[in-house]
Amino acid sequence: MPLPPTRRTFSLADTRRVLAATPSTLTALLAPFPDDWTRATEGGDTWSARDVVAHLIHGERTDWMPRVHHLRTHGDAVPFPPFDRTAHLSTPSSVPVGALLDEFATLRRASLDALDALQLRPADLDDRGLHPALGPVTLQQLIATWMVHDLDHVMQIARVLATSYTDAVGPWREYLRIVREERLA
């Protein structure tokens, strides 16, 4: 019988470590690839690895730390401004993924410096804000979501890169969940 997944108690220090590692993780994953790999999608309206990096940049500018500051200023009296999940699609196609990765790393460093400057105490993590669609949220939930959002997009990028080799792996596809037919359907 499979074991249940491990659930962790929130740790700001652990969360910050993952947030700090995301830019270098993405650079290590994407820098070796030529442009056609980073612009490949899974088909339809799916995002390329380059699109994901542009989305993360947009989030650094308009979502995570701006929402932290909004929550600390307004509490749950004023909802967060809505976040445009597709605004990154207007990023000029002439910008190479390497430049986007550099920009993301710079913005993330500034975000983490701003987070550190708040000198959050454990009690601060219970501060409440108001999400326009989800309702009441805590500062801890916002910061935890920021980290899990990063990991979700790292997984997405790995999946997009793997999907391009779906046929190349031949019969091993059966053993590779990332490219199996039921996952792709």
C-alpha atoms as a PDB file:
ATOM      1  CA  MET A   1       0.000   0.000   0.000  1.00  0.00           C
ATOM      2  CA  PRO A   2       1.492   3.390  -0.969  1.00  0.00           C
ATOM      3  CA  LEU A   3       2.438   5.792   1.777  1.00  0.00           C
ATOM      4  CA  PRO A   4       0.543   9.080   1.991  1.00  0.00           C
ATOM      5  CA  PRO A   5       2.415  12.144   0.752  1.00  0.00           C
ATOM      6  CA  THR A   6       4.566  13.952   3.276  1.00  0.00           C
ATOM      7  CA  ARG A   7       3.105  17.287   4.337  1.00  0.00           C
ATOM      8  CA  ARG A   8       5.416  19.910   5.769  1.00  0.00           C
ATOM      9  CA  THR A   9       4.788  22.714   8.186  1.00  0.00           C
ATOM     10  CA  PHE A  10       5.399  26.078   6.549  1.00  0.00           C
ATOM     11  CA  SER A  11       8.920  27.409   6.974  1.00  0.00           C
ATOM     12  CA  LEU A  12       9.741  30.894   5.724  1.00  0.00           C
ATOM     13  CA  ALA A  13      13.434  29.994   5.563  1.00  0.00           C
ATOM     14  CA  ASP A  14      12.800  26.869   3.454  1.00  0.00           C
ATOM     15  CA  THR A  15      10.370  28.744   1.233  1.00  0.00           C
ATOM     16  CA  ARG A  16      12.876  31.535   0.704  1.00  0.00           C
ATOM     17  CA  ARG A  17      15.573  28.983  -0.246  1.00  0.00           C
ATOM     18  CA  VAL A  18      13.361  27.552  -2.991  1.00  0.00           C
ATOM     19  CA  LEU A  19      12.424  31.036  -4.219  1.00  0.00           C
ATOM     20  CA  ALA A  20      16.107  31.978  -4.341  1.00  0.00           C
ATOM     21  CA  ALA A  21      17.009  28.799  -6.240  1.00  0.00           C
ATOM     22  CA  THR A  22      14.375  29.116  -8.970  1.00  0.00           C
ATOM     23  CA  PRO A  23      16.304  31.511 -11.263  1.00  0.00           C
ATOM     24  CA  SER A  24      19.451  29.363 -11.257  1.00  0.00           C
ATOM     25  CA  THR A  25      17.375  26.200 -11.648  1.00  0.00           C
ATOM     26  CA  LEU A  26      15.687  27.620 -14.737  1.00  0.00           C
ATOM     27  CA  THR A  27      18.984  28.895 -16.121  1.00  0.00           C
ATOM     28  CA  ALA A  28      20.581  25.465 -15.678  1.00  0.00           C
ATOM     29  CA  LEU A  29      17.586  23.818 -17.332  1.00  0.00           C
ATOM     30  CA  LEU A  30      17.138  26.201 -20.258  1.00  0.00           C
ATOM     31  CA  ALA A  31      20.504  27.808 -21.053  1.00  0.00           C
ATOM     32  CA  PRO A  32      21.879  24.774 -22.932  1.00  0.00           C
ATOM     33  CA  PHE A  33      18.951  24.699 -25.367  1.00  0.00           C
ATOM     34  CA  PRO A  34      18.699  26.532 -28.671  1.00  0.00           C
ATOM     35  CA  ASP A  35      15.869  28.983 -29.236  1.00  0.00           C
ATOM     36  CA  ASP A  36      13.590  26.502 -31.014  1.00  0.00           C
ATOM     37  CA  TRP A  37      13.525  24.292 -27.899  1.00  0.00           C
ATOM     38  CA  THR A  38      12.608  27.112 -25.535  1.00  0.00           C
ATOM     39  CA  ARG A  39       9.830  28.283 -27.879  1.00  0.00           C
ATOM     40  CA  ALA A  40       8.299  24.811 -28.372  1.00  0.00           C
ATOM     41  CA  THR A  41       4.880  24.155 -26.805  1.00  0.00           C
ATOM     42  CA  GLU A  42       2.751  21.105 -26.104  1.00  0.00           C
ATOM     43  CA  GLY A  43       0.343  22.266 -28.799  1.00  0.00           C
ATOM     44  CA  GLY A  44      -2.745  24.432 -28.853  1.00  0.00           C
ATOM     45  CA  ASP A  45      -2.705  27.365 -26.463  1.00  0.00           C
ATOM     46  CA  THR A  46      -0.035  25.884 -24.185  1.00  0.00           C
ATOM     47  CA  TRP A  47       2.991  27.871 -23.094  1.00  0.00           C
ATOM     48  CA  SER A  48       6.579  27.394 -24.131  1.00  0.00           C
ATOM     49  CA  ALA A  49       9.441  27.439 -21.620  1.00  0.00           C
ATOM     50  CA  ARG A  50      10.152  30.996 -22.795  1.00  0.00           C
ATOM     51  CA  ASP A  51       6.515  31.949 -22.138  1.00  0.00           C
ATOM     52  CA  VAL A  52       6.766  30.556 -18.615  1.00  0.00           C
ATOM     53  CA  VAL A  53       9.869  32.635 -17.859  1.00  0.00           C
ATOM     54  CA  ALA A  54       8.089  35.755 -19.188  1.00  0.00           C
ATOM     55  CA  HIS A  55       5.098  34.871 -16.954  1.00  0.00           C
ATOM     56  CA  LEU A  56       7.388  34.562 -13.929  1.00  0.00           C
ATOM     57  CA  ILE A  57       8.851  37.993 -14.720  1.00  0.00           C
ATOM     58  CA  HIS A  58       5.371  39.498 -14.895  1.00  0.00           C
ATOM     59  CA  GLY A  59       4.585  37.880 -11.523  1.00  0.00           C
ATOM     60  CA  GLU A  60       7.697  39.340  -9.940  1.00  0.00           C
ATOM     61  CA  ARG A  61       6.704  42.791 -11.111  1.00  0.00           C
ATOM     62  CA  THR A  62       2.986  42.766 -10.376  1.00  0.00           C
ATOM     63  CA  ASP A  63       1.979  39.855  -8.153  1.00  0.00           C
ATOM     64  CA  TRP A  64       4.018  38.425  -5.301  1.00  0.00           C
ATOM     65  CA  MET A  65       5.732  41.263  -3.447  1.00  0.00           C
ATOM     66  CA  PRO A  66       3.135  43.818  -4.562  1.00  0.00           C
ATOM     67  CA  ARG A  67       0.506  41.577  -2.946  1.00  0.00           C
ATOM     68  CA  VAL A  68       2.611  41.149   0.179  1.00  0.00           C
ATOM     69  CA  HIS A  69       2.820  44.947   0.486  1.00  0.00           C
ATOM     70  CA  HIS A  70      -0.899  45.316  -0.317  1.00  0.00           C
ATOM     71  CA  LEU A  71      -1.811  42.795   2.393  1.00  0.00           C
ATOM     72  CA  ARG A  72       0.429  44.491   4.947  1.00  0.00           C
ATOM     73  CA  THR A  73      -1.041  47.903   4.072  1.00  0.00           C
ATOM     74  CA  HIS A  74      -4.736  47.120   3.614  1.00  0.00           C
ATOM     75  CA  GLY A  75      -5.264  43.809   5.386  1.00  0.00           C
ATOM     76  CA  ASP A  76      -8.522  42.248   4.254  1.00  0.00           C
ATOM     77  CA  ALA A  77     -10.284  45.611   3.814  1.00  0.00           C
ATOM     78  CA  VAL A  78      -9.277  46.024   0.147  1.00  0.00           C
ATOM     79  CA  PRO A  79      -8.968  43.083  -2.275  1.00  0.00           C
ATOM     80  CA  PHE A  80      -5.727  42.534  -4.171  1.00  0.00           C
ATOM     81  CA  PRO A  81      -5.745  44.034  -7.652  1.00  0.00           C
ATOM     82  CA  PRO A  82      -6.489  41.263 -10.177  1.00  0.00           C
ATOM     83  CA  PHE A  83      -3.495  39.540 -11.756  1.00  0.00           C
ATOM     84  CA  ASP A  84      -3.422  39.164 -15.537  1.00  0.00           C
ATOM     85  CA  ARG A  85      -2.132  35.612 -16.035  1.00  0.00           C
ATOM     86  CA  THR A  86      -1.558  36.136 -19.752  1.00  0.00           C
ATOM     87  CA  ALA A  87       0.042  39.607 -19.770  1.00  0.00           C
ATOM     88  CA  HIS A  88       3.406  37.973 -20.451  1.00  0.00           C
ATOM     89  CA  LEU A  89       2.218  36.985 -23.922  1.00  0.00           C
ATOM     90  CA  SER A  90       2.881  40.577 -25.000  1.00  0.00           C
ATOM     91  CA  THR A  91       6.632  40.163 -24.319  1.00  0.00           C
ATOM     92  CA  PRO A  92       8.379  40.932 -27.622  1.00  0.00           C
ATOM     93  CA  SER A  93       9.343  37.712 -29.391  1.00  0.00           C
ATOM     94  CA  SER A  94      12.740  39.229 -30.207  1.00  0.00           C
ATOM     95  CA  VAL A  95      13.828  38.944 -26.558  1.00  0.00           C
ATOM     96  CA  PRO A  96      15.891  35.736 -26.202  1.00  0.00           C
ATOM     97  CA  VAL A  97      15.278  33.389 -23.310  1.00  0.00           C
ATOM     98  CA  GLY A  98      18.757  34.154 -21.903  1.00  0.00           C
ATOM     99  CA  ALA A  99      17.829  37.810 -21.476  1.00  0.00           C
ATOM    100  CA  LEU A 100      14.543  36.814 -19.846  1.00  0.00           C
ATOM    101  CA  LEU A 101      16.355  34.498 -17.436  1.00  0.00           C
ATOM    102  CA  ASP A 102      18.752  37.313 -16.486  1.00  0.00           C
ATOM    103  CA  GLU A 103      15.853  39.708 -15.932  1.00  0.00           C
ATOM    104  CA  PHE A 104      13.997  37.160 -13.834  1.00  0.00           C
ATOM    105  CA  ALA A 105      17.074  36.572 -11.665  1.00  0.00           C
ATOM    106  CA  THR A 106      17.499  40.324 -11.091  1.00  0.00           C
ATOM    107  CA  LEU A 107      13.832  40.817 -10.223  1.00  0.00           C
ATOM    108  CA  ARG A 108      13.783  37.795  -7.916  1.00  0.00           C
ATOM    109  CA  ARG A 109      16.832  39.053  -5.999  1.00  0.00           C
ATOM    110  CA  ALA A 110      15.062  42.398  -5.503  1.00  0.00           C
ATOM    111  CA  SER A 111      11.868  40.627  -4.377  1.00  0.00           C
ATOM    112  CA  LEU A 112      13.740  38.542  -1.831  1.00  0.00           C
ATOM    113  CA  ASP A 113      15.613  41.599  -0.573  1.00  0.00           C
ATOM    114  CA  ALA A 114      12.237  43.323  -0.105  1.00  0.00           C
ATOM    115  CA  LEU A 115      10.843  40.259   1.666  1.00  0.00           C
ATOM    116  CA  ASP A 116      13.875  40.114   3.971  1.00  0.00           C
ATOM    117  CA  ALA A 117      13.546  43.831   4.735  1.00  0.00           C
ATOM    118  CA  LEU A 118      10.092  43.179   6.218  1.00  0.00           C
ATOM    119  CA  GLN A 119      11.707  41.130   9.005  1.00  0.00           C
ATOM    120  CA  LEU A 120       8.567  39.029   9.285  1.00  0.00           C
ATOM    121  CA  ARG A 121       7.838  37.429  12.628  1.00  0.00           C
ATOM    122  CA  PRO A 122       5.820  34.192  12.917  1.00  0.00           C
ATOM    123  CA  ALA A 123       2.743  36.155  14.067  1.00  0.00           C
ATOM    124  CA  ASP A 124       2.929  38.325  10.904  1.00  0.00           C
ATOM    125  CA  LEU A 125       2.285  35.248   8.783  1.00  0.00           C
ATOM    126  CA  ASP A 126      -1.288  35.147  10.111  1.00  0.00           C
ATOM    127  CA  ASP A 127      -2.031  38.629   8.733  1.00  0.00           C
ATOM    128  CA  ARG A 128      -5.008  38.487   6.405  1.00  0.00           C
ATOM    129  CA  GLY A 129      -5.574  39.821   2.931  1.00  0.00           C
ATOM    130  CA  LEU A 130      -8.397  39.515   0.453  1.00  0.00           C
ATOM    131  CA  HIS A 131      -7.971  37.747  -2.876  1.00  0.00           C
ATOM    132  CA  PRO A 132     -10.477  38.995  -5.482  1.00  0.00           C
ATOM    133  CA  ALA A 133     -11.577  35.458  -6.407  1.00  0.00           C
ATOM    134  CA  LEU A 134     -10.547  33.225  -3.487  1.00  0.00           C
ATOM    135  CA  GLY A 135     -11.582  35.449  -0.593  1.00  0.00           C
ATOM    136  CA  PRO A 136      -9.642  35.685   2.681  1.00  0.00           C
ATOM    137  CA  VAL A 137      -6.011  34.530   2.589  1.00  0.00           C
ATOM    138  CA  THR A 138      -3.101  34.785   5.000  1.00  0.00           C
ATOM    139  CA  LEU A 139       0.372  36.130   4.375  1.00  0.00           C
ATOM    140  CA  GLN A 140       1.704  32.621   4.959  1.00  0.00           C
ATOM    141  CA  GLN A 141      -0.594  31.225   2.270  1.00  0.00           C
ATOM    142  CA  LEU A 142       0.477  33.933  -0.165  1.00  0.00           C
ATOM    143  CA  ILE A 143       4.189  33.268   0.382  1.00  0.00           C
ATOM    144  CA  ALA A 144       3.726  29.474   0.282  1.00  0.00           C
ATOM    145  CA  THR A 145       1.777  29.832  -2.968  1.00  0.00           C
ATOM    146  CA  TRP A 146       4.601  31.908  -4.435  1.00  0.00           C
ATOM    147  CA  MET A 147       7.013  29.011  -3.847  1.00  0.00           C
ATOM    148  CA  VAL A 148       4.626  26.294  -5.066  1.00  0.00           C
ATOM    149  CA  HIS A 149       3.852  28.438  -8.135  1.00  0.00           C
ATOM    150  CA  ASP A 150       7.580  28.409  -8.933  1.00  0.00           C
ATOM    151  CA  LEU A 151       7.737  24.628  -8.589  1.00  0.00           C
ATOM    152  CA  ASP A 152       4.605  24.219 -10.695  1.00  0.00           C
ATOM    153  CA  HIS A 153       6.246  26.149 -13.506  1.00  0.00           C
ATOM    154  CA  VAL A 154       9.562  24.281 -13.165  1.00  0.00           C
ATOM    155  CA  MET A 155       7.540  21.094 -13.632  1.00  0.00           C
ATOM    156  CA  GLN A 156       5.723  22.638 -16.604  1.00  0.00           C
ATOM    157  CA  ILE A 157       9.006  23.582 -18.291  1.00  0.00           C
ATOM    158  CA  ALA A 158      10.407  20.074 -17.755  1.00  0.00           C
ATOM    159  CA  ARG A 159       7.215  18.610 -19.232  1.00  0.00           C
ATOM    160  CA  VAL A 160       7.339  20.876 -22.305  1.00  0.00           C
ATOM    161  CA  LEU A 161      10.977  19.946 -22.933  1.00  0.00           C
ATOM    162  CA  ALA A 162      10.259  16.226 -22.462  1.00  0.00           C
ATOM    163  CA  THR A 163       7.190  16.295 -24.693  1.00  0.00           C
ATOM    164  CA  SER A 164       9.337  17.287 -27.639  1.00  0.00           C
ATOM    165  CA  TYR A 165      11.050  13.873 -27.325  1.00  0.00           C
ATOM    166  CA  THR A 166       7.855  11.826 -26.935  1.00  0.00           C
ATOM    167  CA  ASP A 167       8.422   9.927 -30.182  1.00  0.00           C
ATOM    168  CA  ALA A 168      12.208   9.774 -29.791  1.00  0.00           C
ATOM    169  CA  VAL A 169      12.041   7.617 -26.635  1.00  0.00           C
ATOM    170  CA  GLY A 170      10.221   4.871 -28.537  1.00  0.00           C
ATOM    171  CA  PRO A 171       8.867   2.028 -26.389  1.00  0.00           C
ATOM    172  CA  TRP A 172      10.308   3.530 -23.171  1.00  0.00           C
ATOM    173  CA  ARG A 173       7.391   5.964 -23.286  1.00  0.00           C
ATOM    174  CA  GLU A 174       5.460   3.349 -21.292  1.00  0.00           C
ATOM    175  CA  TYR A 175       7.796   3.958 -18.325  1.00  0.00           C
ATOM    176  CA  LEU A 176       7.962   7.738 -18.609  1.00  0.00           C
ATOM    177  CA  ARG A 177       4.933   9.348 -16.996  1.00  0.00           C
ATOM    178  CA  ILE A 178       5.955  12.763 -18.353  1.00  0.00           C
ATOM    179  CA  VAL A 179       5.309  11.659 -21.968  1.00  0.00           C
ATOM    180  CA  ARG A 180       2.763   8.826 -21.638  1.00  0.00           C
ATOM    181  CA  GLU A 181      -0.361   9.061 -23.787  1.00  0.00           C
ATOM    182  CA  GLU A 182      -2.809   9.312 -20.859  1.00  0.00           C
ATOM    183  CA  ARG A 183      -0.877  12.335 -19.575  1.00  0.00           C
ATOM    184  CA  LEU A 184      -0.868  13.939 -23.008  1.00  0.00           C
ATOM    185  CA  ALA A 185      -4.597  13.459 -23.623  1.00  0.00           C
END
